[in-house]
Every structure is written in structure tokens, then in C-alpha cells.
Amino acid sequence: MKILLLLLILSLSGCLNSNNDSEQDKIKNLEEQRIITDTTEITVRIPSKVSGKKLEIALPRCMFGFSIKNKIIDGIVEQKAAAIIFALPTLSGFPNDEEAIHRCPDFSKPVVGLSFAPLYRNIKAEKLEYGNHWFKRENYRFRLKEKKNNQELYYIGISGKQTMFVNKSETNQQDLRIDFWPFDVKDEYNAFPHQIDIYSVLDEEFSVTYTVYSSRFLHGKYKPPVSQNYFADGLIQIYKHNESLLDHPEIQLGFIQNNNRILDYIHQHSKVVTDQNH
């Protein structure tokens, strides 16, 4: 009898816990739904690591997705980093999906983000260094692969992934870094070469990071025609023919111009302010 009573108590306890879990799941789902549909404009502040400056980004709450971790007070939130979320094609030939930059992202479909953070200086330097910024900050991570046409390609660590640093110039708004896996005909179904990671300086003391996709990941009206000579597809093609990115300034220019357009978009919705109390 005692055993039956104990089993009954445990069973009831399990039901209560299950109901509590179910209620918590409902609350969580409602909160997530509120976040991804909230069109109220908020301002996200990201402090610099080297001065009293702060990057302020003002957009609808839903476009920051789940990257907001701190409490929003009077429409303003400050945190170390944040991201703006779009439909996946948007940054690949920006703005590939032009409607996406004006609406809440659909999180039931593939998405991509612009990730914002402060720049860090080399611990041995007194200030931020530009011109191959990431190499100067963490040169131990890179080893030279080839040098040609006054440009260089590096391996990242011990992997086969490569990177190219593109300095600020008349055609390039900010220092830029292009990380990619060269296409390998022996492993043609590998998805990594079709996802190119871009790092860019933003307003001197901040950075923006994002991924550009080849047309393998772009479909329907978002898939560039062959005649367009889409730069991310061009990167795949040159390594199919055992060539080098250093021999193709037109491919480099495609990434540069795409980044310039993304920076222009960011500047439309952001500004840098100075903390007077710093």
C-alpha cells in the first residue's frame, strides 16, 4: 500500500512538473514571437574598446533578432556586440533581397546577419593599427601562402582556409578581410568554399562581420544569372582552374563594392557618439 501511495505521489509530481515546463515553454514561445514581430524602433549602443565612443544603431527591434541580451530602457540598450538579421540572400550581392532590408526577418527560413563589435588593438600597440588591421593585431594566426602583384594571401592557422587583406583606398571605404576555403575539385560537394566570411572595419573603432554565399545557396529570383559574373561564383571558378585570387582584381573588386554598399546601408541607420563621462 505504501509503495502504491509513493508511486501515486511521484506520478502527480511528474504531472505538475510537466505542466510547469509546458507553461514555461508557452511563455518563452510568446516572448520569442513578440521579439521577431516587434517593429518598434530601438537604439543599440556598442562601446569602443579604445575610447569613449559608442556605435549607435537604430532599427526595428525585430531586425536585431535574439542578439539583444541586455534590458531595453526607454528604447535604448547597451551591450558588447549585436547583429542585424536578414533573409539569407540579402548580403550576397547586397541588397539581393531588397525587400528584406525593410521588414522583420522570417526566422522559419534561412537567415544571415551583420555582426557588430568593437575593434581590439594588439596588446603590444598603444592604439589601433590600420592597413592589414587583423594581421597587425594577430599576426601569429596567419602564415604567408603567396605574394604577387604587391598583394599577399595567407593561410589561417594550420587549416587550409585562406585570407586576403584589402586596405582602405579610393575604391575601398575601409580595411577589409576576405576569408575563404579554395574550391577543391576532389571535394566538389563541400559547402565551405561557397560561404565566404567578410570582416570590415567600421567607423575606425568598430567592425562588421558577415557571410557572402555563392549561387549554390541562392535560388529563384535571387540566383544571379551566369551573365552577371557574380563575384562569389567567380571565386569558385578561379580555383576550379587552379588560379589565384591575387590574379583576379575584378573578383576582389566585387567583394569591395559589395562591402561598400553594406557600409552605406549601415551608415544610414547608425552614428558614432562620444560618451561625455568617459
Protein backbone atom coordinates (compact mmCIF):
# COMPACT_ATOMS: atom_id res chain seq x y z
CA MET A 1 0.00 0.00 0.00
CA LYS A 2 2.83 2.39 0.90
CA ILE A 3 4.52 1.58 -2.40
CA LEU A 4 1.33 2.36 -4.37
CA LEU A 5 0.92 5.64 -2.47
CA LEU A 6 4.53 6.59 -3.20
CA LEU A 7 4.08 5.82 -6.89
CA LEU A 8 0.91 7.93 -6.97
CA ILE A 9 2.73 10.89 -5.35
CA LEU A 10 5.63 10.59 -7.82
CA SER A 11 3.20 10.40 -10.71
CA LEU A 12 1.34 13.52 -9.58
CA SER A 13 4.66 15.32 -9.05
CA GLY A 14 5.69 14.42 -12.58
CA CYS A 15 2.42 15.79 -13.97
CA LEU A 16 2.88 19.07 -12.09
CA ASN A 17 6.46 19.44 -13.34
CA SER A 18 5.30 18.67 -16.85
CA ASN A 19 2.57 21.31 -16.61
CA ASN A 20 5.10 23.84 -15.29
CA ASP A 21 7.51 23.05 -18.13
CA SER A 22 4.67 23.37 -20.62
CA GLU A 23 3.66 26.73 -19.19
CA GLN A 24 7.27 27.97 -19.29
CA ASP A 25 7.55 26.84 -22.92
CA LYS A 26 4.39 28.77 -23.77
CA ILE A 27 5.73 31.92 -22.12
CA LYS A 28 9.07 31.51 -23.93
CA ASN A 29 7.37 30.98 -27.29
CA LEU A 30 5.17 34.04 -26.80
CA GLU A 31 8.20 36.16 -25.89
CA GLU A 32 10.12 34.93 -28.96
CA GLN A 33 7.11 35.65 -31.17
CA ARG A 34 6.89 39.15 -29.72
CA ILE A 35 10.58 39.79 -30.43
CA ILE A 36 10.50 38.67 -34.07
CA THR A 37 7.40 40.74 -34.89
CA ASP A 38 8.14 43.90 -32.87
CA THR A 39 8.55 46.83 -35.27
CA THR A 40 9.24 49.39 -32.53
CA GLU A 41 12.49 51.21 -33.30
CA ILE A 42 15.23 50.75 -30.71
CA THR A 43 18.80 52.04 -30.47
CA VAL A 44 21.61 49.60 -29.76
CA ARG A 45 24.82 51.07 -28.35
CA ILE A 46 28.16 49.28 -28.64
CA PRO A 47 31.06 50.86 -26.70
CA SER A 48 34.52 51.22 -28.21
CA LYS A 49 37.42 49.42 -26.54
CA VAL A 50 39.88 52.25 -27.12
CA SER A 51 37.92 55.46 -26.41
CA GLY A 52 34.66 56.87 -25.08
CA LYS A 53 32.96 56.50 -28.47
CA LYS A 54 29.87 54.35 -28.96
CA LEU A 55 28.35 52.97 -32.13
CA GLU A 56 24.58 53.56 -32.15
CA ILE A 57 22.39 51.51 -34.50
CA ALA A 58 18.69 52.41 -34.77
CA LEU A 59 16.34 49.87 -36.39
CA PRO A 60 13.13 47.98 -35.58
CA ARG A 61 13.50 45.59 -32.62
CA CYS A 62 12.70 42.54 -34.77
CA MET A 63 15.72 43.12 -37.02
CA PHE A 64 18.11 42.51 -34.12
CA GLY A 65 16.56 39.08 -33.56
CA PHE A 66 17.86 37.31 -30.48
CA SER A 67 21.18 39.18 -30.35
CA ILE A 68 19.82 41.61 -27.73
CA LYS A 69 20.82 40.22 -24.34
CA ASN A 70 20.50 43.26 -22.07
CA LYS A 71 17.41 45.12 -20.92
CA ILE A 72 15.99 47.80 -23.22
CA ILE A 73 15.33 51.02 -21.27
CA ASP A 74 13.46 53.89 -22.93
CA GLY A 75 14.19 52.37 -26.34
CA ILE A 76 17.96 52.13 -25.76
CA VAL A 77 20.13 49.12 -24.94
CA GLU A 78 23.91 48.95 -24.50
CA GLN A 79 25.95 45.78 -24.92
CA LYS A 80 29.29 44.49 -26.16
CA ALA A 81 28.05 43.28 -29.56
CA ALA A 82 24.88 42.86 -31.63
CA ALA A 83 23.64 41.69 -35.02
CA ILE A 84 21.13 42.76 -37.67
CA ILE A 85 19.31 39.80 -39.23
CA PHE A 86 18.16 39.44 -42.87
CA ALA A 87 16.90 36.76 -45.22
CA LEU A 88 19.88 34.68 -46.40
CA PRO A 89 20.27 36.11 -49.95
CA THR A 90 20.38 39.75 -48.81
CA LEU A 91 24.13 40.24 -48.27
CA SER A 92 25.19 38.22 -51.33
CA GLY A 93 25.22 40.94 -53.95
CA PHE A 94 23.73 43.45 -51.50
CA PRO A 95 20.87 44.11 -51.44
CA ASN A 96 19.98 40.92 -53.31
CA ASP A 97 16.67 40.70 -51.43
CA GLU A 98 15.91 44.43 -51.28
CA GLU A 99 12.57 43.93 -49.52
CA ALA A 100 14.40 42.21 -46.65
CA ILE A 101 16.13 45.39 -45.54
CA HIS A 102 12.72 46.94 -44.82
CA ARG A 103 10.94 44.14 -42.95
CA CYS A 104 11.21 41.79 -39.99
CA PRO A 105 13.16 38.63 -40.92
CA ASP A 106 11.28 35.33 -41.23
CA PHE A 107 13.10 33.06 -38.77
CA SER A 108 11.39 29.97 -40.20
CA LYS A 109 13.62 30.42 -43.27
CA PRO A 110 17.44 30.67 -43.60
CA VAL A 111 18.80 33.98 -42.33
CA VAL A 112 22.14 35.78 -42.26
CA GLY A 113 23.46 38.53 -40.03
CA LEU A 114 25.61 41.63 -39.90
CA SER A 115 27.54 41.22 -36.65
CA PHE A 116 28.87 44.34 -34.93
CA ALA A 117 31.62 44.54 -32.30
CA PRO A 118 34.40 46.89 -31.19
CA LEU A 119 37.88 46.56 -32.67
CA TYR A 120 40.70 45.40 -30.40
CA ARG A 121 44.27 46.64 -30.61
CA ASN A 122 47.34 44.45 -30.47
CA ILE A 123 48.34 44.12 -26.81
CA LYS A 124 51.81 45.45 -27.72
CA ALA A 125 50.43 48.50 -29.55
CA GLU A 126 49.34 51.77 -27.98
CA LYS A 127 46.49 52.31 -30.45
CA LEU A 128 44.53 50.60 -33.22
CA GLU A 129 46.59 49.90 -36.33
CA TYR A 130 45.18 50.02 -39.85
CA GLY A 131 46.34 48.62 -43.16
CA ASN A 132 46.14 44.82 -42.75
CA HIS A 133 44.47 45.56 -39.39
CA TRP A 134 43.79 41.91 -38.48
CA PHE A 135 47.30 40.81 -39.42
CA LYS A 136 48.84 43.53 -37.27
CA ARG A 137 46.57 42.59 -34.36
CA GLU A 138 47.04 38.81 -34.50
CA ASN A 139 49.88 38.03 -36.91
CA TYR A 140 50.60 34.72 -35.14
CA ARG A 141 47.37 33.36 -36.65
CA PHE A 142 48.50 33.81 -40.26
CA ARG A 143 51.28 32.39 -42.41
CA LEU A 144 52.16 33.57 -45.90
CA LYS A 145 50.96 31.40 -48.80
CA GLU A 146 51.87 33.52 -51.79
CA LYS A 147 52.82 37.03 -52.77
CA LYS A 148 52.06 38.52 -56.15
CA ASN A 149 51.12 41.87 -57.72
CA ASN A 150 52.02 43.67 -54.46
CA GLN A 151 49.39 41.62 -52.66
CA GLU A 152 49.51 38.62 -50.32
CA LEU A 153 47.47 35.55 -49.49
CA TYR A 154 47.76 33.91 -46.07
CA TYR A 155 46.78 30.60 -44.53
CA ILE A 156 44.71 30.92 -41.36
CA GLY A 157 46.29 28.76 -38.66
CA ILE A 158 47.02 25.19 -39.73
CA SER A 159 43.82 24.82 -41.74
CA GLY A 160 43.58 25.11 -45.49
CA LYS A 161 41.44 28.23 -45.14
CA GLN A 162 42.95 31.33 -46.70
CA THR A 163 42.57 35.07 -46.25
CA MET A 164 43.34 38.22 -48.16
CA PHE A 165 43.67 41.65 -46.56
CA VAL A 166 42.44 44.59 -48.65
CA ASN A 167 43.44 48.01 -47.35
CA LYS A 168 41.36 51.17 -47.36
CA SER A 169 41.75 53.02 -50.67
CA GLU A 170 39.94 55.27 -53.14
CA THR A 171 37.72 52.34 -54.13
CA ASN A 172 37.55 50.66 -50.71
CA GLN A 173 35.87 52.53 -47.85
CA GLN A 174 37.53 50.55 -45.04
CA ASP A 175 40.13 47.86 -44.34
CA LEU A 176 38.63 44.56 -45.43
CA ARG A 177 39.43 40.90 -44.92
CA ILE A 178 38.19 38.04 -47.15
CA ASP A 179 38.30 34.54 -45.58
CA PHE A 180 37.61 31.59 -47.87
CA TRP A 181 38.14 27.88 -48.46
CA PRO A 182 39.52 27.38 -52.01
CA PHE A 183 37.29 25.15 -54.11
CA ASP A 184 38.69 21.61 -54.45
CA VAL A 185 37.55 19.55 -57.46
CA LYS A 186 38.24 16.40 -55.43
CA ASP A 187 35.63 17.52 -52.91
CA GLU A 188 33.15 19.35 -55.11
CA TYR A 189 30.18 18.84 -52.76
CA ASN A 190 31.93 20.56 -49.86
CA ALA A 191 29.77 23.55 -48.87
CA PHE A 192 32.52 25.58 -47.17
CA PRO A 193 34.01 27.15 -50.34
CA HIS A 194 30.55 28.55 -51.09
CA GLN A 195 30.48 30.57 -47.83
CA ILE A 196 32.93 33.46 -47.73
CA ASP A 197 33.43 35.32 -44.45
CA ILE A 198 33.97 39.07 -44.64
CA TYR A 199 35.45 41.28 -41.90
CA SER A 200 35.39 45.05 -42.30
CA VAL A 201 36.48 48.00 -40.21
CA LEU A 202 33.53 50.28 -39.44
CA ASP A 203 33.94 53.92 -38.41
CA GLU A 204 37.57 53.39 -37.28
CA GLU A 205 36.92 51.74 -33.90
CA PHE A 206 34.32 49.08 -34.74
CA SER A 207 33.91 46.07 -37.03
CA VAL A 208 31.18 44.37 -39.01
CA THR A 209 31.32 40.69 -39.98
CA TYR A 210 29.08 38.73 -42.34
CA THR A 211 28.97 35.82 -44.79
CA VAL A 212 28.59 36.02 -48.56
CA TYR A 213 27.17 32.94 -50.30
CA SER A 214 27.79 31.63 -53.80
CA SER A 215 24.80 30.97 -56.08
CA ARG A 216 24.66 27.39 -54.77
CA PHE A 217 22.74 28.84 -51.81
CA LEU A 218 20.72 31.38 -53.84
CA HIS A 219 17.50 30.35 -55.52
CA GLY A 220 14.78 31.69 -57.79
CA LYS A 221 14.93 35.42 -58.45
CA TYR A 222 17.86 35.72 -56.00
CA LYS A 223 20.14 33.45 -58.05
CA PRO A 224 22.43 35.61 -60.21
CA PRO A 225 22.47 34.73 -63.94
CA VAL A 226 25.76 33.46 -65.34
CA SER A 227 25.99 36.60 -67.47
CA GLN A 228 26.19 38.73 -64.31
CA ASN A 229 29.64 37.34 -63.43
CA TYR A 230 28.70 37.21 -59.74
CA PHE A 231 31.92 37.73 -57.75
CA ALA A 232 31.37 34.90 -55.22
CA ASP A 233 30.85 32.45 -58.10
CA GLY A 234 33.95 33.90 -59.73
CA LEU A 235 35.97 32.97 -56.65
CA ILE A 236 34.80 29.35 -57.03
CA GLN A 237 35.64 29.32 -60.74
CA ILE A 238 39.22 30.60 -60.44
CA TYR A 239 40.12 27.81 -58.02
CA LYS A 240 38.41 25.25 -60.24
CA HIS A 241 41.06 26.23 -62.77
CA ASN A 242 43.94 26.28 -60.28
CA GLU A 243 44.27 30.05 -60.43
CA SER A 244 44.68 32.51 -57.57
CA LEU A 245 42.58 35.35 -56.15
CA LEU A 246 45.71 37.50 -56.47
CA ASP A 247 45.41 37.23 -60.28
CA HIS A 248 41.83 38.46 -60.35
CA PRO A 249 41.37 42.09 -59.25
CA GLU A 250 37.85 42.04 -60.71
CA ILE A 251 36.81 39.39 -58.15
CA GLN A 252 38.42 41.43 -55.36
CA LEU A 253 36.54 44.49 -56.62
CA GLY A 254 33.24 42.58 -56.44
CA PHE A 255 33.75 41.93 -52.72
CA ILE A 256 34.93 45.53 -52.15
CA GLN A 257 31.91 47.08 -53.88
CA ASN A 258 29.53 44.74 -52.07
CA ASN A 259 31.09 45.77 -48.75
CA ASN A 260 30.87 49.46 -49.69
CA ARG A 261 27.13 49.10 -50.30
CA ILE A 262 26.69 47.32 -46.96
CA LEU A 263 28.63 50.09 -45.18
CA ASP A 264 26.44 52.70 -46.88
CA TYR A 265 23.36 50.91 -45.58
CA ILE A 266 24.80 50.73 -42.04
CA HIS A 267 25.63 54.45 -42.10
CA GLN A 268 22.01 55.23 -42.98
CA HIS A 269 20.93 53.65 -39.69
CA SER A 270 23.85 54.37 -37.36
CA LYS A 271 26.10 57.03 -35.93
CA VAL A 272 29.07 57.27 -33.59
CA VAL A 273 28.59 59.29 -30.41
CA THR A 274 31.02 60.22 -27.65
CA ASP A 275 30.39 59.44 -24.01
CA GLN A 276 30.99 62.74 -22.23
CA ASN A 277 31.60 60.92 -18.93
CA HIS A 278 34.47 58.82 -20.31
